[in-house]
Each structure stands twice: as structure tokens, then as C-alpha cells.
Amino acid sequence: HFNFTKLRKTFQFEFIRLIQEAGGLKKTEEKNRLYKDHPKGFYVYAKFKSTDNDSNDASSNKNSKDIQGCVNYFIRYAGRPAMAENRITEYNKESKTVSWFYNDHKDEKRHDVTD
């Protein structure tokens, strides 16, 4: 069993901490808003892949492979930028807003966001 809730909240905490260290969050209100707007943490897509013909005898070996796969994915994910530049659709300097999109892995739909 892998605790995805803890992974999301830990990722959220560490990500916010790194943004603060880099000088990206200057006000406490900005940081608090990120926690308030995302009470379940930041979504981390780290789904286990399994096949129907997995046997129970090999479950301990399979679990260690699954965990190692998640760790490898997380390391690759954490080492990349938070958002690909091509997902940014607009930047408005006057209103200080950025528009971007993301594809939700749950429903495979595109979501457009302006913040």
C-alpha cells in the first residue's frame, strides 16, 4: 500500500518551501492560500501499473518493483519544471494573471485556468 494522500501533502509542503526559498512567495497570505485552495495537497500522478495475470506468490517482488517504479517516477517528476512552457496560453502584465491548461488524468479532459 502506498499512501498517496501523504505523498500529495508532502509534495505540496516541499514545493511551497522551495518556492519560498527562491523568493517566489513573499507574503504569508500567498502561502496560506495555496494550502487553503488545495486541502488535499498537490496532485501527484503516480499510479501503480498492474496486469490481470499477476500472481499472489510474486506479490512481494511485484510490490518492491511497484514502489521502485513510483520512486523513479517521482524523482523524474521532481527534477522537471512544474509546468511545461507550452501549457501557458496567455500572460497579462497589467492584471498580473497567467492562463494555462492541464489535462486531468482522472477524466482525461482539458481544463483551462487563469490565476
N, C-alpha and C. Protein backbone atom coordinates (compact mmCIF):
# COMPACT_ATOMS: atom_id res chain seq x y z
N HIS A 1 0.85 -1.18 0.00
CA HIS A 1 0.00 0.00 0.00
C HIS A 1 0.89 1.23 0.00
N PHE A 2 0.55 2.19 -0.82
CA PHE A 2 1.29 3.45 -0.92
C PHE A 2 0.35 4.57 -0.53
N ASN A 3 0.72 5.40 0.42
CA ASN A 3 -0.14 6.46 0.93
C ASN A 3 -0.07 7.68 0.00
N PHE A 4 -1.01 7.75 -0.95
CA PHE A 4 -1.00 8.84 -1.93
C PHE A 4 -1.38 10.18 -1.30
N THR A 5 -2.22 10.16 -0.26
CA THR A 5 -2.59 11.41 0.42
C THR A 5 -1.34 12.03 1.04
N LYS A 6 -0.55 11.22 1.70
CA LYS A 6 0.69 11.73 2.31
C LYS A 6 1.65 12.22 1.23
N LEU A 7 1.72 11.50 0.10
CA LEU A 7 2.57 11.93 -1.00
C LEU A 7 2.14 13.30 -1.51
N ARG A 8 0.83 13.50 -1.71
CA ARG A 8 0.33 14.80 -2.21
C ARG A 8 0.65 15.92 -1.22
N LYS A 9 0.42 15.68 0.07
CA LYS A 9 0.66 16.73 1.07
C LYS A 9 2.15 17.01 1.26
N THR A 10 2.97 15.95 1.21
CA THR A 10 4.42 16.14 1.33
C THR A 10 4.95 16.90 0.12
N PHE A 11 4.48 16.51 -1.07
CA PHE A 11 4.89 17.22 -2.28
C PHE A 11 4.49 18.68 -2.20
N GLN A 12 3.27 18.96 -1.73
CA GLN A 12 2.78 20.32 -1.58
C GLN A 12 3.68 21.11 -0.63
N PHE A 13 3.97 20.53 0.54
CA PHE A 13 4.79 21.21 1.54
C PHE A 13 6.18 21.53 0.98
N GLU A 14 6.83 20.51 0.38
CA GLU A 14 8.19 20.71 -0.13
C GLU A 14 8.21 21.69 -1.30
N PHE A 15 7.22 21.61 -2.16
CA PHE A 15 7.15 22.51 -3.31
C PHE A 15 6.98 23.95 -2.84
N ILE A 16 6.08 24.18 -1.90
CA ILE A 16 5.87 25.54 -1.37
C ILE A 16 7.12 26.04 -0.66
N ARG A 17 7.78 25.15 0.08
CA ARG A 17 9.02 25.53 0.77
C ARG A 17 10.08 25.97 -0.24
N LEU A 18 10.24 25.22 -1.31
CA LEU A 18 11.23 25.57 -2.33
C LEU A 18 10.88 26.88 -3.03
N ILE A 19 9.59 27.10 -3.28
CA ILE A 19 9.18 28.37 -3.89
C ILE A 19 9.52 29.53 -2.96
N GLN A 20 9.26 29.34 -1.66
CA GLN A 20 9.59 30.39 -0.68
C GLN A 20 11.09 30.67 -0.66
N GLU A 21 11.89 29.61 -0.64
CA GLU A 21 13.35 29.78 -0.61
C GLU A 21 13.84 30.54 -1.84
N ALA A 22 13.19 30.32 -2.96
CA ALA A 22 13.58 31.00 -4.20
C ALA A 22 13.04 32.43 -4.26
N GLY A 23 12.26 32.83 -3.26
CA GLY A 23 11.72 34.18 -3.22
C GLY A 23 10.43 34.34 -3.98
N GLY A 24 9.77 33.24 -4.31
CA GLY A 24 8.54 33.30 -5.10
C GLY A 24 7.30 33.65 -4.30
N LEU A 25 7.30 33.34 -3.01
CA LEU A 25 6.15 33.69 -2.16
C LEU A 25 6.64 34.69 -1.12
N LYS A 26 6.27 35.92 -1.31
CA LYS A 26 6.78 36.97 -0.43
C LYS A 26 5.86 37.23 0.77
N LYS A 27 4.58 36.88 0.63
CA LYS A 27 3.62 37.14 1.71
C LYS A 27 3.10 35.82 2.27
N THR A 28 2.86 35.80 3.57
CA THR A 28 2.31 34.62 4.22
C THR A 28 0.94 34.28 3.65
N GLU A 29 0.18 35.30 3.26
CA GLU A 29 -1.16 35.08 2.71
C GLU A 29 -1.10 34.24 1.42
N GLU A 30 -0.06 34.45 0.61
CA GLU A 30 0.09 33.69 -0.62
C GLU A 30 0.28 32.21 -0.31
N LYS A 31 1.15 31.92 0.64
CA LYS A 31 1.41 30.54 1.04
C LYS A 31 0.15 29.92 1.63
N ASN A 32 -0.52 30.64 2.51
CA ASN A 32 -1.73 30.12 3.15
C ASN A 32 -2.83 29.84 2.14
N ARG A 33 -2.91 30.66 1.10
CA ARG A 33 -3.92 30.44 0.07
C ARG A 33 -3.68 29.13 -0.68
N LEU A 34 -2.42 28.79 -0.91
CA LEU A 34 -2.11 27.53 -1.58
C LEU A 34 -2.58 26.34 -0.74
N TYR A 35 -2.40 26.42 0.57
CA TYR A 35 -2.88 25.33 1.44
C TYR A 35 -4.41 25.32 1.50
N LYS A 36 -5.01 26.50 1.56
CA LYS A 36 -6.47 26.58 1.64
C LYS A 36 -7.14 26.10 0.35
N ASP A 37 -6.59 26.51 -0.80
CA ASP A 37 -7.16 26.13 -2.09
C ASP A 37 -6.95 24.66 -2.43
N HIS A 38 -5.96 24.03 -1.79
CA HIS A 38 -5.63 22.63 -2.08
C HIS A 38 -5.49 21.84 -0.79
N PRO A 39 -6.60 21.64 -0.05
CA PRO A 39 -6.52 20.97 1.26
C PRO A 39 -6.06 19.51 1.18
N LYS A 40 -6.19 18.90 0.02
CA LYS A 40 -5.75 17.50 -0.13
C LYS A 40 -4.32 17.40 -0.66
N GLY A 41 -3.65 18.55 -0.78
CA GLY A 41 -2.29 18.56 -1.30
C GLY A 41 -2.30 18.78 -2.80
N PHE A 42 -1.09 18.79 -3.39
CA PHE A 42 -0.96 18.93 -4.83
C PHE A 42 -1.03 17.54 -5.44
N TYR A 43 -1.76 17.42 -6.52
CA TYR A 43 -1.97 16.12 -7.16
C TYR A 43 -0.67 15.62 -7.76
N VAL A 44 -0.32 14.42 -7.43
CA VAL A 44 0.86 13.76 -7.98
C VAL A 44 0.38 12.52 -8.71
N TYR A 45 0.63 12.45 -9.98
CA TYR A 45 0.19 11.29 -10.76
C TYR A 45 1.25 10.19 -10.64
N ALA A 46 0.99 9.24 -9.75
CA ALA A 46 1.94 8.15 -9.50
C ALA A 46 1.17 6.85 -9.39
N LYS A 47 0.45 6.49 -10.44
CA LYS A 47 -0.42 5.33 -10.44
C LYS A 47 0.41 4.05 -10.60
N PHE A 48 0.05 3.03 -9.80
CA PHE A 48 0.67 1.71 -9.97
C PHE A 48 0.12 1.08 -11.23
N LYS A 49 0.96 0.40 -11.96
CA LYS A 49 0.51 -0.35 -13.12
C LYS A 49 0.53 -1.83 -12.75
N SER A 50 -0.56 -2.52 -13.01
CA SER A 50 -0.59 -3.95 -12.75
C SER A 50 -1.32 -4.64 -13.88
N THR A 51 -1.09 -5.93 -13.98
CA THR A 51 -1.77 -6.71 -15.02
C THR A 51 -2.69 -7.71 -14.35
N ASP A 52 -3.65 -8.20 -15.08
CA ASP A 52 -4.61 -9.16 -14.53
C ASP A 52 -3.97 -10.50 -14.20
N ASN A 53 -2.85 -10.85 -14.81
CA ASN A 53 -2.26 -12.15 -14.57
C ASN A 53 -1.14 -12.12 -13.53
N ASP A 54 -1.12 -11.10 -12.64
CA ASP A 54 -0.18 -11.08 -11.52
C ASP A 54 -0.57 -12.17 -10.54
N SER A 55 0.39 -12.92 -10.08
CA SER A 55 0.07 -13.99 -9.12
C SER A 55 0.34 -13.53 -7.71
N ASN A 56 -0.36 -14.13 -6.75
CA ASN A 56 -0.17 -13.78 -5.34
C ASN A 56 1.20 -14.21 -4.85
N ASP A 57 1.79 -15.29 -5.42
CA ASP A 57 3.10 -15.77 -4.99
C ASP A 57 4.18 -14.74 -5.23
N ALA A 58 4.04 -13.96 -6.27
CA ALA A 58 5.06 -12.97 -6.61
C ALA A 58 4.70 -11.59 -6.09
N SER A 59 3.75 -11.49 -5.16
CA SER A 59 3.27 -10.18 -4.74
C SER A 59 4.33 -9.35 -4.04
N SER A 60 5.20 -9.97 -3.22
CA SER A 60 6.23 -9.18 -2.54
C SER A 60 7.23 -8.62 -3.54
N ASN A 61 7.61 -9.43 -4.55
CA ASN A 61 8.51 -8.96 -5.60
C ASN A 61 7.84 -7.87 -6.43
N LYS A 62 6.57 -8.06 -6.74
CA LYS A 62 5.80 -7.08 -7.51
C LYS A 62 5.70 -5.76 -6.75
N ASN A 63 5.42 -5.84 -5.43
CA ASN A 63 5.30 -4.62 -4.62
C ASN A 63 6.60 -3.83 -4.61
N SER A 64 7.74 -4.51 -4.49
CA SER A 64 9.00 -3.78 -4.47
C SER A 64 9.26 -3.14 -5.84
N LYS A 65 8.86 -3.81 -6.93
CA LYS A 65 9.00 -3.22 -8.26
C LYS A 65 8.08 -2.01 -8.41
N ASP A 66 6.83 -2.12 -7.89
CA ASP A 66 5.88 -1.01 -7.96
C ASP A 66 6.40 0.20 -7.19
N ILE A 67 6.91 -0.05 -5.99
CA ILE A 67 7.43 1.04 -5.16
C ILE A 67 8.63 1.68 -5.83
N GLN A 68 9.54 0.87 -6.35
CA GLN A 68 10.72 1.41 -7.05
C GLN A 68 10.29 2.21 -8.27
N GLY A 69 9.26 1.72 -8.98
CA GLY A 69 8.75 2.46 -10.13
C GLY A 69 8.19 3.81 -9.73
N CYS A 70 7.46 3.86 -8.62
CA CYS A 70 6.92 5.13 -8.12
C CYS A 70 8.04 6.07 -7.70
N VAL A 71 9.04 5.54 -7.03
CA VAL A 71 10.17 6.37 -6.60
C VAL A 71 10.88 6.95 -7.82
N ASN A 72 11.14 6.10 -8.81
CA ASN A 72 11.79 6.58 -10.04
C ASN A 72 10.96 7.66 -10.73
N TYR A 73 9.64 7.43 -10.80
CA TYR A 73 8.75 8.41 -11.42
C TYR A 73 8.81 9.73 -10.65
N PHE A 74 8.74 9.65 -9.33
CA PHE A 74 8.74 10.86 -8.51
C PHE A 74 10.03 11.63 -8.67
N ILE A 75 11.16 10.93 -8.74
CA ILE A 75 12.45 11.60 -8.92
C ILE A 75 12.49 12.31 -10.27
N ARG A 76 12.01 11.64 -11.33
CA ARG A 76 11.96 12.29 -12.65
C ARG A 76 11.02 13.49 -12.62
N TYR A 77 9.86 13.33 -11.97
CA TYR A 77 8.85 14.38 -11.90
C TYR A 77 9.39 15.59 -11.14
N ALA A 78 10.03 15.35 -10.01
CA ALA A 78 10.51 16.44 -9.16
C ALA A 78 11.67 17.18 -9.81
N GLY A 79 12.39 16.53 -10.70
CA GLY A 79 13.53 17.15 -11.34
C GLY A 79 13.18 18.00 -12.55
N ARG A 80 11.93 18.05 -12.90
CA ARG A 80 11.49 18.82 -14.07
C ARG A 80 10.77 20.09 -13.62
N PRO A 81 10.60 21.04 -14.55
CA PRO A 81 9.84 22.25 -14.20
C PRO A 81 8.41 21.88 -13.80
N ALA A 82 7.81 22.72 -12.99
CA ALA A 82 6.45 22.47 -12.51
C ALA A 82 5.45 22.47 -13.66
N MET A 83 5.72 23.24 -14.69
CA MET A 83 4.78 23.32 -15.81
C MET A 83 5.57 23.53 -17.10
N ALA A 84 5.20 22.81 -18.12
CA ALA A 84 5.83 23.00 -19.43
C ALA A 84 5.43 24.36 -19.98
N GLU A 85 6.37 25.03 -20.58
CA GLU A 85 6.12 26.37 -21.10
C GLU A 85 5.00 26.38 -22.15
N ASN A 86 4.85 25.29 -22.91
CA ASN A 86 3.83 25.27 -23.95
C ASN A 86 2.41 25.15 -23.39
N ARG A 87 2.25 24.93 -22.08
CA ARG A 87 0.92 24.90 -21.47
C ARG A 87 0.42 26.30 -21.09
N ILE A 88 1.32 27.26 -21.08
CA ILE A 88 0.94 28.64 -20.80
C ILE A 88 0.34 29.24 -22.06
N THR A 89 -0.90 29.69 -21.95
CA THR A 89 -1.59 30.20 -23.13
C THR A 89 -1.62 31.72 -23.20
N GLU A 90 -1.49 32.38 -22.04
CA GLU A 90 -1.52 33.85 -22.03
C GLU A 90 -0.92 34.39 -20.75
N TYR A 91 -0.25 35.54 -20.88
CA TYR A 91 0.26 36.27 -19.72
C TYR A 91 -0.19 37.71 -19.87
N ASN A 92 -0.88 38.23 -18.85
CA ASN A 92 -1.37 39.60 -18.88
C ASN A 92 -0.61 40.40 -17.83
N LYS A 93 0.28 41.25 -18.29
CA LYS A 93 1.13 42.02 -17.38
C LYS A 93 0.33 43.04 -16.56
N GLU A 94 -0.68 43.63 -17.18
CA GLU A 94 -1.47 44.65 -16.48
C GLU A 94 -2.26 44.05 -15.31
N SER A 95 -2.92 42.94 -15.56
CA SER A 95 -3.73 42.33 -14.50
C SER A 95 -2.94 41.30 -13.68
N LYS A 96 -1.68 41.08 -14.08
CA LYS A 96 -0.80 40.12 -13.40
C LYS A 96 -1.44 38.73 -13.30
N THR A 97 -1.96 38.26 -14.44
CA THR A 97 -2.56 36.93 -14.48
C THR A 97 -1.86 36.07 -15.54
N VAL A 98 -1.89 34.79 -15.30
CA VAL A 98 -1.35 33.81 -16.24
C VAL A 98 -2.47 32.81 -16.54
N SER A 99 -2.64 32.49 -17.81
CA SER A 99 -3.61 31.47 -18.22
C SER A 99 -2.84 30.26 -18.71
N TRP A 100 -3.31 29.08 -18.32
CA TRP A 100 -2.68 27.84 -18.75
C TRP A 100 -3.72 26.74 -18.78
N PHE A 101 -3.32 25.57 -19.26
CA PHE A 101 -4.24 24.44 -19.29
C PHE A 101 -3.54 23.20 -18.76
N TYR A 102 -4.35 22.25 -18.34
CA TYR A 102 -3.82 20.94 -17.95
C TYR A 102 -4.85 19.88 -18.31
N ASN A 103 -4.38 18.68 -18.48
CA ASN A 103 -5.25 17.54 -18.77
C ASN A 103 -5.36 16.71 -17.50
N ASP A 104 -6.56 16.58 -16.97
CA ASP A 104 -6.80 15.82 -15.75
C ASP A 104 -6.68 14.33 -16.06
N HIS A 105 -5.83 13.64 -15.32
CA HIS A 105 -5.63 12.21 -15.55
C HIS A 105 -6.86 11.39 -15.15
N LYS A 106 -7.72 11.96 -14.31
CA LYS A 106 -8.90 11.22 -13.86
C LYS A 106 -9.95 11.11 -14.96
N ASP A 107 -10.21 12.23 -15.65
CA ASP A 107 -11.26 12.21 -16.67
C ASP A 107 -10.72 12.50 -18.08
N GLU A 108 -9.41 12.71 -18.20
CA GLU A 108 -8.76 12.97 -19.49
C GLU A 108 -9.36 14.18 -20.22
N LYS A 109 -9.86 15.14 -19.44
CA LYS A 109 -10.41 16.36 -20.03
C LYS A 109 -9.43 17.52 -19.85
N ARG A 110 -9.46 18.45 -20.79
CA ARG A 110 -8.64 19.64 -20.70
C ARG A 110 -9.33 20.66 -19.80
N HIS A 111 -8.55 21.27 -18.90
CA HIS A 111 -9.05 22.30 -18.01
C HIS A 111 -8.22 23.56 -18.24
N ASP A 112 -8.89 24.68 -18.49
CA ASP A 112 -8.22 25.95 -18.66
C ASP A 112 -8.34 26.76 -17.37
N VAL A 113 -7.22 27.35 -16.95
CA VAL A 113 -7.15 28.06 -15.68
C VAL A 113 -6.53 29.43 -15.90
N THR A 114 -7.07 30.42 -15.21
CA THR A 114 -6.45 31.76 -15.18
C THR A 114 -6.30 32.15 -13.73
N ASP A 115 -5.11 32.50 -13.37
CA ASP A 115 -4.81 32.85 -11.98
C ASP A 115 -3.91 34.07 -11.92
